[in-house]
Amino acid sequence: METGAKVYVAVLAAFTEDGQMIPRRIRWEDGRLYDIERVLDVRPAASLKAGGQGVWGSIPMPPNAHIKDDDLKTLVQWILAGSK
C-alpha cells in the first residue's frame, strides 16, 4: 500500500434512536479487527460534496462534487467555527 493512499475499510456501527451513527469496530484490509474506543472528530463533509437537505438546515444544498476533499475540510472547519 502506498503511503497516503486512501483505503476503504469495513465499519461495524450502531445507531442511536435519533439516527446518529456510532462506529464500533473496523476491519482492516488484511482482516484484522480494531475496536473503536473513541471518536475524536465528526465532520459532515460528504453532505457538502453530494448535496442534500436537512444536514445544514431546511434549504436544499446543491452538490459540489468539483470541490477537492482538502478544500471541503477547510470549508467545514470554517463553518463549524462560526464562519469567522
C-alpha atoms as a PDB file:
ATOM      1  CA  MET A   1       0.000   0.000   0.000  1.00  0.00           C
ATOM      2  CA  GLU A   2       1.259   3.469  -0.896  1.00  0.00           C
ATOM      3  CA  THR A   3       1.836   5.972   1.858  1.00  0.00           C
ATOM      4  CA  GLY A   4      -1.022   8.447   1.914  1.00  0.00           C
ATOM      5  CA  ALA A   5      -3.244   6.352  -0.364  1.00  0.00           C
ATOM      6  CA  LYS A   6      -6.937   6.320   0.518  1.00  0.00           C
ATOM      7  CA  VAL A   7      -8.056   2.972   1.932  1.00  0.00           C
ATOM      8  CA  TYR A   8     -11.665   1.932   2.465  1.00  0.00           C
ATOM      9  CA  VAL A   9     -12.366  -0.389   5.378  1.00  0.00           C
ATOM     10  CA  ALA A  10     -15.490  -2.125   6.670  1.00  0.00           C
ATOM     11  CA  VAL A  11     -17.073  -0.418   9.680  1.00  0.00           C
ATOM     12  CA  LEU A  12     -19.406  -2.016  12.216  1.00  0.00           C
ATOM     13  CA  ALA A  13     -21.643   0.729  13.598  1.00  0.00           C
ATOM     14  CA  ALA A  14     -24.573   1.223  15.929  1.00  0.00           C
ATOM     15  CA  PHE A  15     -27.229   3.910  15.616  1.00  0.00           C
ATOM     16  CA  THR A  16     -28.881   5.951  18.345  1.00  0.00           C
ATOM     17  CA  GLU A  17     -32.653   6.486  18.396  1.00  0.00           C
ATOM     18  CA  ASP A  18     -32.185   9.890  16.769  1.00  0.00           C
ATOM     19  CA  GLY A  19     -30.145   8.405  13.913  1.00  0.00           C
ATOM     20  CA  GLN A  20     -26.614   9.308  14.974  1.00  0.00           C
ATOM     21  CA  MET A  21     -24.102   6.708  13.798  1.00  0.00           C
ATOM     22  CA  ILE A  22     -21.630   5.409  16.373  1.00  0.00           C
ATOM     23  CA  PRO A  23     -18.747   3.412  14.858  1.00  0.00           C
ATOM     24  CA  ARG A  24     -17.819   0.384  16.983  1.00  0.00           C
ATOM     25  CA  ARG A  25     -15.183  -1.584  15.054  1.00  0.00           C
ATOM     26  CA  ILE A  26     -13.239  -1.504  11.777  1.00  0.00           C
ATOM     27  CA  ARG A  27     -11.921  -4.385   9.693  1.00  0.00           C
ATOM     28  CA  TRP A  28      -8.590  -3.569   8.037  1.00  0.00           C
ATOM     29  CA  GLU A  29      -7.679  -4.744   4.515  1.00  0.00           C
ATOM     30  CA  ASP A  30      -5.896  -7.837   5.845  1.00  0.00           C
ATOM     31  CA  GLY A  31      -8.839  -8.880   8.053  1.00  0.00           C
ATOM     32  CA  ARG A  32      -7.567  -7.551  11.381  1.00  0.00           C
ATOM     33  CA  LEU A  33     -10.307  -6.101  13.600  1.00  0.00           C
ATOM     34  CA  TYR A  34      -9.900  -2.948  15.662  1.00  0.00           C
ATOM     35  CA  ASP A  35     -12.346  -1.738  18.306  1.00  0.00           C
ATOM     36  CA  ILE A  36     -13.065   1.978  18.146  1.00  0.00           C
ATOM     37  CA  GLU A  37     -12.647   3.351  21.655  1.00  0.00           C
ATOM     38  CA  ARG A  38     -13.483   6.986  20.910  1.00  0.00           C
ATOM     39  CA  VAL A  39     -14.336   9.321  18.061  1.00  0.00           C
ATOM     40  CA  LEU A  40     -12.205  12.455  18.070  1.00  0.00           C
ATOM     41  CA  ASP A  41     -13.977  14.429  15.364  1.00  0.00           C
ATOM     42  CA  VAL A  42     -17.191  14.354  13.337  1.00  0.00           C
ATOM     43  CA  ARG A  43     -17.405  16.283  10.072  1.00  0.00           C
ATOM     44  CA  PRO A  44     -20.398  16.288   7.692  1.00  0.00           C
ATOM     45  CA  ALA A  45     -18.192  16.985   4.657  1.00  0.00           C
ATOM     46  CA  ALA A  46     -19.771  14.280   2.482  1.00  0.00           C
ATOM     47  CA  SER A  47     -23.082  16.140   2.501  1.00  0.00           C
ATOM     48  CA  LEU A  48     -21.342  19.221   1.104  1.00  0.00           C
ATOM     49  CA  LYS A  49     -19.997  17.253  -1.836  1.00  0.00           C
ATOM     50  CA  ALA A  50     -23.162  15.233  -2.559  1.00  0.00           C
ATOM     51  CA  GLY A  51     -25.721  17.916  -1.751  1.00  0.00           C
ATOM     52  CA  GLY A  52     -28.988  17.311   0.046  1.00  0.00           C
ATOM     53  CA  GLN A  53     -31.284  18.770   2.659  1.00  0.00           C
ATOM     54  CA  GLY A  54     -31.541  18.623   6.432  1.00  0.00           C
ATOM     55  CA  VAL A  55     -27.889  18.458   7.480  1.00  0.00           C
ATOM     56  CA  TRP A  56     -27.186  22.181   7.177  1.00  0.00           C
ATOM     57  CA  GLY A  57     -30.791  23.410   7.525  1.00  0.00           C
ATOM     58  CA  SER A  58     -34.067  23.189   5.645  1.00  0.00           C
ATOM     59  CA  ILE A  59     -32.873  24.732   2.372  1.00  0.00           C
ATOM     60  CA  PRO A  60     -31.691  22.148  -0.191  1.00  0.00           C
ATOM     61  CA  MET A  61     -27.970  22.352  -0.918  1.00  0.00           C
ATOM     62  CA  PRO A  62     -26.786  21.622  -4.456  1.00  0.00           C
ATOM     63  CA  PRO A  63     -23.953  19.110  -4.952  1.00  0.00           C
ATOM     64  CA  ASN A  64     -20.399  20.455  -5.021  1.00  0.00           C
ATOM     65  CA  ALA A  65     -18.573  17.459  -6.500  1.00  0.00           C
ATOM     66  CA  HIS A  66     -15.991  19.753  -8.093  1.00  0.00           C
ATOM     67  CA  ILE A  67     -14.578  20.829  -4.710  1.00  0.00           C
ATOM     68  CA  LYS A  68     -11.425  18.947  -3.664  1.00  0.00           C
ATOM     69  CA  ASP A  69     -11.592  16.989  -0.383  1.00  0.00           C
ATOM     70  CA  ASP A  70      -8.909  19.148   1.262  1.00  0.00           C
ATOM     71  CA  ASP A  71     -10.894  22.288   0.383  1.00  0.00           C
ATOM     72  CA  LEU A  72     -14.073  20.684   1.773  1.00  0.00           C
ATOM     73  CA  LYS A  73     -12.284  20.002   5.046  1.00  0.00           C
ATOM     74  CA  THR A  74     -11.234  23.653   5.270  1.00  0.00           C
ATOM     75  CA  LEU A  75     -14.760  24.806   4.425  1.00  0.00           C
ATOM     76  CA  VAL A  76     -16.371  22.582   7.079  1.00  0.00           C
ATOM     77  CA  GLN A  77     -13.871  23.750   9.703  1.00  0.00           C
ATOM     78  CA  TRP A  78     -14.708  27.363   8.816  1.00  0.00           C
ATOM     79  CA  ILE A  79     -18.477  26.723   9.022  1.00  0.00           C
ATOM     80  CA  LEU A  80     -18.243  24.872  12.346  1.00  0.00           C
ATOM     81  CA  ALA A  81     -16.035  27.626  13.800  1.00  0.00           C
ATOM     82  CA  GLY A  82     -18.856  30.104  13.217  1.00  0.00           C
ATOM     83  CA  SER A  83     -17.609  31.286   9.789  1.00  0.00           C
ATOM     84  CA  LYS A  84     -15.239  33.836  11.348  1.00  0.00           C
END
